[in-house]
C-alpha atoms as a PDB file:
ATOM      1  CA  MET A   1     -34.975   2.852  35.587  1.00  0.00           C
ATOM      2  CA  MET A   2     -31.575   1.165  35.786  1.00  0.00           C
ATOM      3  CA  PRO A   3     -30.968  -0.892  38.950  1.00  0.00           C
ATOM      4  CA  SER A   4     -29.232   0.911  41.800  1.00  0.00           C
ATOM      5  CA  ALA A   5     -27.147  -2.091  42.901  1.00  0.00           C
ATOM      6  CA  ASP A   6     -23.389  -1.993  42.320  1.00  0.00           C
ATOM      7  CA  PHE A   7     -21.626  -5.303  41.644  1.00  0.00           C
ATOM      8  CA  ALA A   8     -17.964  -4.627  42.321  1.00  0.00           C
ATOM      9  CA  ASP A   9     -16.736  -7.831  40.668  1.00  0.00           C
ATOM     10  CA  LEU A  10     -18.194  -6.711  37.322  1.00  0.00           C
ATOM     11  CA  ARG A  11     -15.832  -3.736  37.116  1.00  0.00           C
ATOM     12  CA  GLY A  12     -13.353  -4.495  34.385  1.00  0.00           C
ATOM     13  CA  ALA A  13     -15.100  -7.734  33.410  1.00  0.00           C
ATOM     14  CA  SER A  14     -15.159  -8.682  29.729  1.00  0.00           C
ATOM     15  CA  VAL A  15     -18.820  -8.988  28.742  1.00  0.00           C
ATOM     16  CA  LEU A  16     -20.294 -10.151  25.435  1.00  0.00           C
ATOM     17  CA  ILE A  17     -23.981  -9.581  24.670  1.00  0.00           C
ATOM     18  CA  THR A  18     -25.802 -10.879  21.597  1.00  0.00           C
ATOM     19  CA  GLY A  19     -28.599  -8.724  20.217  1.00  0.00           C
ATOM     20  CA  GLY A  20     -27.242  -5.877  22.312  1.00  0.00           C
ATOM     21  CA  GLY A  21     -28.167  -3.004  20.023  1.00  0.00           C
ATOM     22  CA  SER A  22     -31.865  -2.530  20.736  1.00  0.00           C
ATOM     23  CA  GLY A  23     -34.694  -3.493  23.062  1.00  0.00           C
ATOM     24  CA  ILE A  24     -33.740  -5.474  26.137  1.00  0.00           C
ATOM     25  CA  GLY A  25     -30.258  -5.947  24.691  1.00  0.00           C
ATOM     26  CA  ALA A  26     -29.617  -2.208  24.580  1.00  0.00           C
ATOM     27  CA  ALA A  27     -30.643  -1.896  28.234  1.00  0.00           C
ATOM     28  CA  LEU A  28     -28.235  -4.726  29.089  1.00  0.00           C
ATOM     29  CA  THR A  29     -25.385  -3.098  27.169  1.00  0.00           C
ATOM     30  CA  GLU A  30     -25.888   0.163  29.060  1.00  0.00           C
ATOM     31  CA  GLY A  31     -26.376  -1.636  32.361  1.00  0.00           C
ATOM     32  CA  PHE A  32     -23.075  -3.488  32.170  1.00  0.00           C
ATOM     33  CA  VAL A  33     -21.207  -0.363  31.068  1.00  0.00           C
ATOM     34  CA  ARG A  34     -22.658   1.415  34.098  1.00  0.00           C
ATOM     35  CA  GLN A  35     -21.116  -1.327  36.248  1.00  0.00           C
ATOM     36  CA  GLY A  36     -17.695  -0.515  34.817  1.00  0.00           C
ATOM     37  CA  ALA A  37     -17.513  -3.626  32.621  1.00  0.00           C
ATOM     38  CA  HIS A  38     -15.852  -3.759  29.221  1.00  0.00           C
ATOM     39  CA  VAL A  39     -18.782  -4.519  26.940  1.00  0.00           C
ATOM     40  CA  ALA A  40     -18.896  -5.875  23.409  1.00  0.00           C
ATOM     41  CA  PHE A  41     -22.247  -6.431  21.769  1.00  0.00           C
ATOM     42  CA  ILE A  42     -23.303  -8.291  18.670  1.00  0.00           C
ATOM     43  CA  ASP A  43     -26.094  -7.033  16.443  1.00  0.00           C
ATOM     44  CA  ILE A  44     -26.935  -6.815  12.763  1.00  0.00           C
ATOM     45  CA  ALA A  45     -28.608  -3.388  12.622  1.00  0.00           C
ATOM     46  CA  ASP A  46     -26.061  -0.605  12.128  1.00  0.00           C
ATOM     47  CA  GLY A  47     -28.340   2.362  12.807  1.00  0.00           C
ATOM     48  CA  PRO A  48     -29.654   1.513  16.283  1.00  0.00           C
ATOM     49  CA  SER A  49     -26.349  -0.061  17.322  1.00  0.00           C
ATOM     50  CA  MET A  50     -24.230   2.962  16.441  1.00  0.00           C
ATOM     51  CA  MET A  51     -26.743   5.305  18.072  1.00  0.00           C
ATOM     52  CA  LEU A  52     -26.606   3.209  21.232  1.00  0.00           C
ATOM     53  CA  ALA A  53     -22.796   3.182  21.294  1.00  0.00           C
ATOM     54  CA  ASP A  54     -22.729   6.960  20.791  1.00  0.00           C
ATOM     55  CA  ARG A  55     -25.333   7.564  23.500  1.00  0.00           C
ATOM     56  CA  VAL A  56     -23.636   5.342  26.071  1.00  0.00           C
ATOM     57  CA  GLU A  57     -20.234   6.883  25.382  1.00  0.00           C
ATOM     58  CA  LYS A  58     -21.623  10.392  25.746  1.00  0.00           C
ATOM     59  CA  ALA A  59     -23.439   9.562  28.983  1.00  0.00           C
ATOM     60  CA  LEU A  60     -20.871   7.337  30.673  1.00  0.00           C
ATOM     61  CA  GLY A  61     -17.539   8.117  29.034  1.00  0.00           C
ATOM     62  CA  ARG A  62     -16.989   4.509  27.935  1.00  0.00           C
ATOM     63  CA  ARG A  63     -17.921   3.158  24.529  1.00  0.00           C
ATOM     64  CA  PRO A  64     -19.223  -0.386  24.084  1.00  0.00           C
ATOM     65  CA  LEU A  65     -17.727  -2.299  21.174  1.00  0.00           C
ATOM     66  CA  TYR A  66     -20.268  -2.928  18.405  1.00  0.00           C
ATOM     67  CA  LEU A  67     -19.638  -6.106  16.413  1.00  0.00           C
ATOM     68  CA  LYS A  68     -21.884  -6.345  13.361  1.00  0.00           C
ATOM     69  CA  THR A  69     -22.717 -10.027  12.953  1.00  0.00           C
ATOM     70  CA  ASP A  70     -25.379 -12.197  11.390  1.00  0.00           C
ATOM     71  CA  LEU A  71     -25.916 -14.823  14.090  1.00  0.00           C
ATOM     72  CA  ARG A  72     -26.918 -17.368  11.471  1.00  0.00           C
ATOM     73  CA  ASP A  73     -23.316 -17.333  10.229  1.00  0.00           C
ATOM     74  CA  VAL A  74     -21.510 -19.441  12.824  1.00  0.00           C
ATOM     75  CA  GLU A  75     -18.029 -18.591  11.550  1.00  0.00           C
ATOM     76  CA  ALA A  76     -18.820 -14.871  11.718  1.00  0.00           C
ATOM     77  CA  LEU A  77     -20.173 -15.394  15.220  1.00  0.00           C
ATOM     78  CA  ARG A  78     -16.969 -17.122  16.267  1.00  0.00           C
ATOM     79  CA  ALA A  79     -14.910 -14.310  14.762  1.00  0.00           C
ATOM     80  CA  SER A  80     -16.879 -11.695  16.691  1.00  0.00           C
ATOM     81  CA  ALA A  81     -16.462 -13.596  19.947  1.00  0.00           C
ATOM     82  CA  ALA A  82     -12.729 -13.729  19.255  1.00  0.00           C
ATOM     83  CA  LYS A  83     -12.672  -9.981  18.535  1.00  0.00           C
ATOM     84  CA  ALA A  84     -14.401  -9.265  21.845  1.00  0.00           C
ATOM     85  CA  ALA A  85     -11.770 -11.333  23.682  1.00  0.00           C
ATOM     86  CA  GLU A  86      -8.925  -9.730  21.743  1.00  0.00           C
ATOM     87  CA  THR A  87     -10.190  -6.250  22.643  1.00  0.00           C
ATOM     88  CA  HIS A  88     -11.273  -6.725  26.259  1.00  0.00           C
ATOM     89  CA  GLY A  89      -9.610  -9.946  27.401  1.00  0.00           C
ATOM     90  CA  ASP A  90     -11.183 -13.372  27.765  1.00  0.00           C
ATOM     91  CA  VAL A  91     -14.956 -13.088  27.952  1.00  0.00           C
ATOM     92  CA  THR A  92     -16.129 -14.005  31.450  1.00  0.00           C
ATOM     93  CA  VAL A  93     -19.773 -12.977  31.036  1.00  0.00           C
ATOM     94  CA  LEU A  94     -21.828 -14.058  28.032  1.00  0.00           C
ATOM     95  CA  VAL A  95     -25.421 -12.926  27.636  1.00  0.00           C
ATOM     96  CA  ASN A  96     -27.228 -14.806  24.853  1.00  0.00           C
ATOM     97  CA  ASN A  97     -30.041 -12.309  24.407  1.00  0.00           C
ATOM     98  CA  ALA A  98     -30.635 -12.159  20.646  1.00  0.00           C
ATOM     99  CA  ALA A  99     -34.001 -13.394  19.369  1.00  0.00           C
ATOM    100  CA  TRP A 100     -36.488 -12.996  16.533  1.00  0.00           C
ATOM    101  CA  ASP A 101     -40.064 -13.261  17.777  1.00  0.00           C
ATOM    102  CA  GLU A 102     -41.810 -13.162  14.401  1.00  0.00           C
ATOM    103  CA  ARG A 103     -45.416 -14.366  14.530  1.00  0.00           C
ATOM    104  CA  HIS A 104     -46.285 -17.270  12.234  1.00  0.00           C
ATOM    105  CA  ASP A 105     -49.213 -19.580  11.621  1.00  0.00           C
ATOM    106  CA  VAL A 106     -48.748 -23.341  11.754  1.00  0.00           C
ATOM    107  CA  ALA A 107     -50.120 -23.775   8.236  1.00  0.00           C
ATOM    108  CA  ASP A 108     -47.663 -21.249   6.767  1.00  0.00           C
ATOM    109  CA  VAL A 109     -44.415 -22.633   8.184  1.00  0.00           C
ATOM    110  CA  THR A 110     -42.023 -24.041   5.585  1.00  0.00           C
ATOM    111  CA  VAL A 111     -38.874 -26.049   6.198  1.00  0.00           C
ATOM    112  CA  GLU A 112     -36.831 -23.012   5.244  1.00  0.00           C
ATOM    113  CA  PHE A 113     -38.713 -20.752   7.683  1.00  0.00           C
ATOM    114  CA  TRP A 114     -38.376 -23.296  10.488  1.00  0.00           C
ATOM    115  CA  ASP A 115     -34.636 -23.749   9.983  1.00  0.00           C
ATOM    116  CA  ASN A 116     -34.030 -20.012   9.711  1.00  0.00           C
ATOM    117  CA  ASN A 117     -36.040 -19.327  12.846  1.00  0.00           C
ATOM    118  CA  LEU A 118     -34.076 -21.790  14.948  1.00  0.00           C
ATOM    119  CA  ALA A 119     -30.831 -20.579  13.358  1.00  0.00           C
ATOM    120  CA  VAL A 120     -31.548 -17.235  15.044  1.00  0.00           C
ATOM    121  CA  ASN A 121     -33.378 -18.279  18.200  1.00  0.00           C
ATOM    122  CA  LEU A 122     -31.534 -21.393  19.379  1.00  0.00           C
ATOM    123  CA  ARG A 123     -28.400 -22.365  17.478  1.00  0.00           C
ATOM    124  CA  PRO A 124     -26.327 -19.236  18.296  1.00  0.00           C
ATOM    125  CA  HIS A 125     -26.781 -19.779  22.027  1.00  0.00           C
ATOM    126  CA  PHE A 126     -24.746 -22.958  21.784  1.00  0.00           C
ATOM    127  CA  PHE A 127     -22.061 -21.763  19.401  1.00  0.00           C
ATOM    128  CA  THR A 128     -21.435 -18.502  21.247  1.00  0.00           C
ATOM    129  CA  ALA A 129     -21.079 -20.453  24.487  1.00  0.00           C
ATOM    130  CA  GLN A 130     -18.743 -22.871  22.732  1.00  0.00           C
ATOM    131  CA  ALA A 131     -16.638 -19.956  21.492  1.00  0.00           C
ATOM    132  CA  VAL A 132     -16.161 -18.276  24.890  1.00  0.00           C
ATOM    133  CA  ALA A 133     -15.885 -21.383  27.100  1.00  0.00           C
ATOM    134  CA  PRO A 134     -12.104 -21.870  26.629  1.00  0.00           C
ATOM    135  CA  GLY A 135     -11.447 -18.286  27.697  1.00  0.00           C
ATOM    136  CA  MET A 136     -13.694 -18.669  30.721  1.00  0.00           C
ATOM    137  CA  LYS A 137     -11.740 -21.776  31.702  1.00  0.00           C
ATOM    138  CA  ARG A 138      -8.475 -19.827  31.411  1.00  0.00           C
ATOM    139  CA  ALA A 139      -9.947 -17.076  33.567  1.00  0.00           C
ATOM    140  CA  GLY A 140     -10.977 -19.560  36.234  1.00  0.00           C
ATOM    141  CA  GLY A 141     -14.698 -19.310  35.633  1.00  0.00           C
ATOM    142  CA  GLY A 142     -17.485 -17.279  34.152  1.00  0.00           C
ATOM    143  CA  SER A 143     -21.213 -16.842  33.740  1.00  0.00           C
ATOM    144  CA  ILE A 144     -23.364 -17.655  30.725  1.00  0.00           C
ATOM    145  CA  ILE A 145     -26.891 -16.240  30.759  1.00  0.00           C
ATOM    146  CA  ASN A 146     -29.310 -17.568  28.145  1.00  0.00           C
ATOM    147  CA  PHE A 147     -32.504 -15.702  27.351  1.00  0.00           C
ATOM    148  CA  THR A 148     -35.545 -17.881  27.028  1.00  0.00           C
ATOM    149  CA  SER A 149     -39.135 -16.606  27.352  1.00  0.00           C
ATOM    150  CA  THR A 150     -42.356 -17.218  29.203  1.00  0.00           C
ATOM    151  CA  SER A 151     -44.039 -17.564  25.804  1.00  0.00           C
ATOM    152  CA  TYR A 152     -43.618 -21.335  25.789  1.00  0.00           C
ATOM    153  CA  LEU A 153     -44.923 -21.561  29.352  1.00  0.00           C
ATOM    154  CA  ILE A 154     -48.185 -19.749  28.560  1.00  0.00           C
ATOM    155  CA  ASN A 155     -48.938 -21.827  25.455  1.00  0.00           C
ATOM    156  CA  HIS A 156     -48.540 -18.858  23.109  1.00  0.00           C
ATOM    157  CA  PRO A 157     -50.373 -19.895  19.921  1.00  0.00           C
ATOM    158  CA  ASP A 158     -48.824 -17.621  17.312  1.00  0.00           C
ATOM    159  CA  MET A 159     -45.137 -18.590  17.060  1.00  0.00           C
ATOM    160  CA  PRO A 160     -44.530 -22.342  17.388  1.00  0.00           C
ATOM    161  CA  ALA A 161     -40.989 -22.262  15.976  1.00  0.00           C
ATOM    162  CA  TYR A 162     -40.035 -19.522  18.425  1.00  0.00           C
ATOM    163  CA  THR A 163     -41.540 -21.265  21.435  1.00  0.00           C
ATOM    164  CA  THR A 164     -39.797 -24.499  20.425  1.00  0.00           C
ATOM    165  CA  ALA A 165     -36.491 -22.656  20.434  1.00  0.00           C
ATOM    166  CA  LYS A 166     -37.214 -20.997  23.758  1.00  0.00           C
ATOM    167  CA  ALA A 167     -38.033 -24.328  25.380  1.00  0.00           C
ATOM    168  CA  GLY A 168     -34.876 -25.796  23.865  1.00  0.00           C
ATOM    169  CA  ILE A 169     -32.793 -23.056  25.457  1.00  0.00           C
ATOM    170  CA  LEU A 170     -33.685 -24.399  28.890  1.00  0.00           C
ATOM    171  CA  GLY A 171     -32.422 -27.866  27.930  1.00  0.00           C
ATOM    172  CA  LEU A 172     -29.252 -26.330  26.535  1.00  0.00           C
ATOM    173  CA  THR A 173     -28.777 -24.326  29.725  1.00  0.00           C
ATOM    174  CA  LYS A 174     -28.988 -27.389  31.914  1.00  0.00           C
ATOM    175  CA  GLY A 175     -26.727 -29.455  29.668  1.00  0.00           C
ATOM    176  CA  LEU A 176     -24.042 -26.772  29.529  1.00  0.00           C
ATOM    177  CA  ALA A 177     -24.286 -26.181  33.266  1.00  0.00           C
ATOM    178  CA  GLY A 178     -23.630 -29.858  33.881  1.00  0.00           C
ATOM    179  CA  LYS A 179     -20.653 -29.905  31.542  1.00  0.00           C
ATOM    180  CA  LEU A 180     -18.995 -26.593  32.375  1.00  0.00           C
ATOM    181  CA  GLY A 181     -19.581 -26.382  36.115  1.00  0.00           C
ATOM    182  CA  VAL A 182     -16.395 -28.302  36.852  1.00  0.00           C
ATOM    183  CA  ASP A 183     -14.510 -25.375  35.310  1.00  0.00           C
ATOM    184  CA  GLY A 184     -16.291 -22.799  37.465  1.00  0.00           C
ATOM    185  CA  ILE A 185     -18.610 -21.725  34.643  1.00  0.00           C
ATOM    186  CA  ARG A 186     -22.206 -21.125  35.666  1.00  0.00           C
ATOM    187  CA  VAL A 187     -24.991 -21.363  33.101  1.00  0.00           C
ATOM    188  CA  ASN A 188     -28.462 -20.008  33.819  1.00  0.00           C
ATOM    189  CA  ALA A 189     -31.527 -18.879  31.917  1.00  0.00           C
ATOM    190  CA  ILE A 190     -33.789 -15.889  32.327  1.00  0.00           C
ATOM    191  CA  ALA A 191     -37.384 -15.950  31.116  1.00  0.00           C
ATOM    192  CA  PRO A 192     -38.860 -12.456  30.734  1.00  0.00           C
ATOM    193  CA  GLY A 193     -42.565 -11.877  30.514  1.00  0.00           C
ATOM    194  CA  TRP A 194     -44.041  -9.228  28.232  1.00  0.00           C
ATOM    195  CA  VAL A 195     -41.425  -6.483  28.131  1.00  0.00           C
ATOM    196  CA  ILE A 196     -42.647  -3.463  26.200  1.00  0.00           C
ATOM    197  CA  THR A 197     -39.847  -2.597  23.794  1.00  0.00           C
ATOM    198  CA  GLU A 198     -40.174  -0.285  20.803  1.00  0.00           C
ATOM    199  CA  ARG A 199     -40.603  -3.365  18.575  1.00  0.00           C
ATOM    200  CA  GLN A 200     -43.473  -4.587  20.726  1.00  0.00           C
ATOM    201  CA  LYS A 201     -45.123  -1.164  20.549  1.00  0.00           C
ATOM    202  CA  GLU A 202     -44.774  -1.004  16.785  1.00  0.00           C
ATOM    203  CA  LEU A 203     -46.072  -4.485  16.035  1.00  0.00           C
ATOM    204  CA  TRP A 204     -48.253  -5.952  18.758  1.00  0.00           C
ATOM    205  CA  VAL A 205     -49.137  -3.706  21.689  1.00  0.00           C
ATOM    206  CA  THR A 206     -52.694  -2.454  21.959  1.00  0.00           C
ATOM    207  CA  GLU A 207     -54.011  -0.450  24.876  1.00  0.00           C
ATOM    208  CA  GLN A 208     -56.640  -3.068  25.668  1.00  0.00           C
ATOM    209  CA  GLY A 209     -54.290  -6.030  25.292  1.00  0.00           C
ATOM    210  CA  LEU A 210     -51.595  -4.495  27.462  1.00  0.00           C
ATOM    211  CA  ALA A 211     -54.070  -3.532  30.176  1.00  0.00           C
ATOM    212  CA  ALA A 212     -55.439  -7.075  30.247  1.00  0.00           C
ATOM    213  CA  HIS A 213     -51.941  -8.535  30.536  1.00  0.00           C
ATOM    214  CA  VAL A 214     -50.843  -6.188  33.332  1.00  0.00           C
ATOM    215  CA  ALA A 215     -54.081  -6.945  35.197  1.00  0.00           C
ATOM    216  CA  LYS A 216     -52.937 -10.582  35.464  1.00  0.00           C
ATOM    217  CA  GLN A 217     -49.541  -9.620  36.876  1.00  0.00           C
ATOM    218  CA  CYS A 218     -49.046  -9.471  40.640  1.00  0.00           C
ATOM    219  CA  ILE A 219     -47.145  -6.209  40.139  1.00  0.00           C
ATOM    220  CA  LYS A 220     -49.508  -3.926  38.246  1.00  0.00           C
ATOM    221  CA  GLN A 221     -46.910  -2.081  36.242  1.00  0.00           C
ATOM    222  CA  VAL A 222     -45.859  -2.305  32.606  1.00  0.00           C
ATOM    223  CA  MET A 223     -42.518  -4.088  32.271  1.00  0.00           C
ATOM    224  CA  GLN A 224     -39.755  -2.086  30.588  1.00  0.00           C
ATOM    225  CA  PRO A 225     -36.360  -3.259  29.246  1.00  0.00           C
ATOM    226  CA  ASP A 226     -34.558  -1.778  32.263  1.00  0.00           C
ATOM    227  CA  ASP A 227     -36.558  -4.127  34.514  1.00  0.00           C
ATOM    228  CA  ILE A 228     -34.577  -7.095  33.192  1.00  0.00           C
ATOM    229  CA  VAL A 229     -31.127  -5.631  33.810  1.00  0.00           C
ATOM    230  CA  GLY A 230     -30.846  -6.231  37.556  1.00  0.00           C
ATOM    231  CA  THR A 231     -31.539  -9.947  37.305  1.00  0.00           C
ATOM    232  CA  VAL A 232     -28.926 -10.357  34.582  1.00  0.00           C
ATOM    233  CA  LEU A 233     -26.324  -8.413  36.575  1.00  0.00           C
ATOM    234  CA  PHE A 234     -27.022 -10.666  39.568  1.00  0.00           C
ATOM    235  CA  LEU A 235     -26.581 -13.796  37.454  1.00  0.00           C
ATOM    236  CA  ALA A 236     -23.367 -12.377  35.991  1.00  0.00           C
ATOM    237  CA  SER A 237     -21.836 -11.473  39.340  1.00  0.00           C
ATOM    238  CA  ASP A 238     -20.351 -13.567  42.115  1.00  0.00           C
ATOM    239  CA  ALA A 239     -23.438 -12.731  44.170  1.00  0.00           C
ATOM    240  CA  SER A 240     -24.912 -15.808  42.456  1.00  0.00           C
ATOM    241  CA  ARG A 241     -21.759 -17.922  42.554  1.00  0.00           C
ATOM    242  CA  MET A 242     -23.533 -21.145  43.577  1.00  0.00           C
ATOM    243  CA  LEU A 243     -26.533 -20.640  41.313  1.00  0.00           C
ATOM    244  CA  THR A 244     -26.420 -22.629  38.095  1.00  0.00           C
ATOM    245  CA  ALA A 245     -28.675 -24.738  35.838  1.00  0.00           C
ATOM    246  CA  GLN A 246     -31.645 -22.567  36.814  1.00  0.00           C
ATOM    247  CA  MET A 247     -34.289 -20.505  35.051  1.00  0.00           C
ATOM    248  CA  LEU A 248     -35.404 -17.250  36.652  1.00  0.00           C
ATOM    249  CA  ILE A 249     -38.790 -15.906  35.538  1.00  0.00           C
ATOM    250  CA  VAL A 250     -39.101 -12.116  35.478  1.00  0.00           C
ATOM    251  CA  ASP A 251     -42.707 -11.375  34.545  1.00  0.00           C
ATOM    252  CA  GLY A 252     -44.186  -9.270  37.317  1.00  0.00           C
ATOM    253  CA  GLY A 253     -45.871 -12.366  38.709  1.00  0.00           C
ATOM    254  CA  PHE A 254     -47.958 -13.154  35.614  1.00  0.00           C
ATOM    255  CA  LEU A 255     -47.328 -16.880  35.997  1.00  0.00           C
END
């Protein structure tokens, strides 16, 4: 269920979301459109992204801008950020959501795999922020929201490159917050717990495993993509205007 809160300052805001075509990203794209924001989203998968844009337009009468981009290509990423600003005005909300949570064994990791993994899970967070920061300065401020994960906090054993990237995102968040705060740009991180997306269902969810996880949460409900939207809207809005350099954990109280 989408959050009921209405953030008036997000109406007309120029929002850019990476990985916005599926999973949590798709919920974020819809959530910001529902707030009246002008939304551009970056993804690489045409099918789900076009279906999302069609569905949102049909339901809400406003179509998010889909920008097909391989996040590993920094120049293409910069071009897409520029296209979002050209279409909707200077980006004042950036949500670095995109990630690739492929499982991998320590013994199987090659240099090429490691570099490719971080080129998806860490490097784009910096270069997208770098691309939109000048526009945020012109606009008098903005909000950058970086997605990390609780996976590195629970010592997840099956994806060391991914958890390295997710821990690195917190350091990046704090460093950018320190640098950009003087220009009115806030930089925060959000760490979701186990959110049950279609990808999770297809690859890793079992009835027993999910039940055991939810049993350890304070809130005994399965987390859905929509459950992340409200926190991101709060971080994007002026309701959190003095909140920066922080990480908010949204995991139902698992930790």
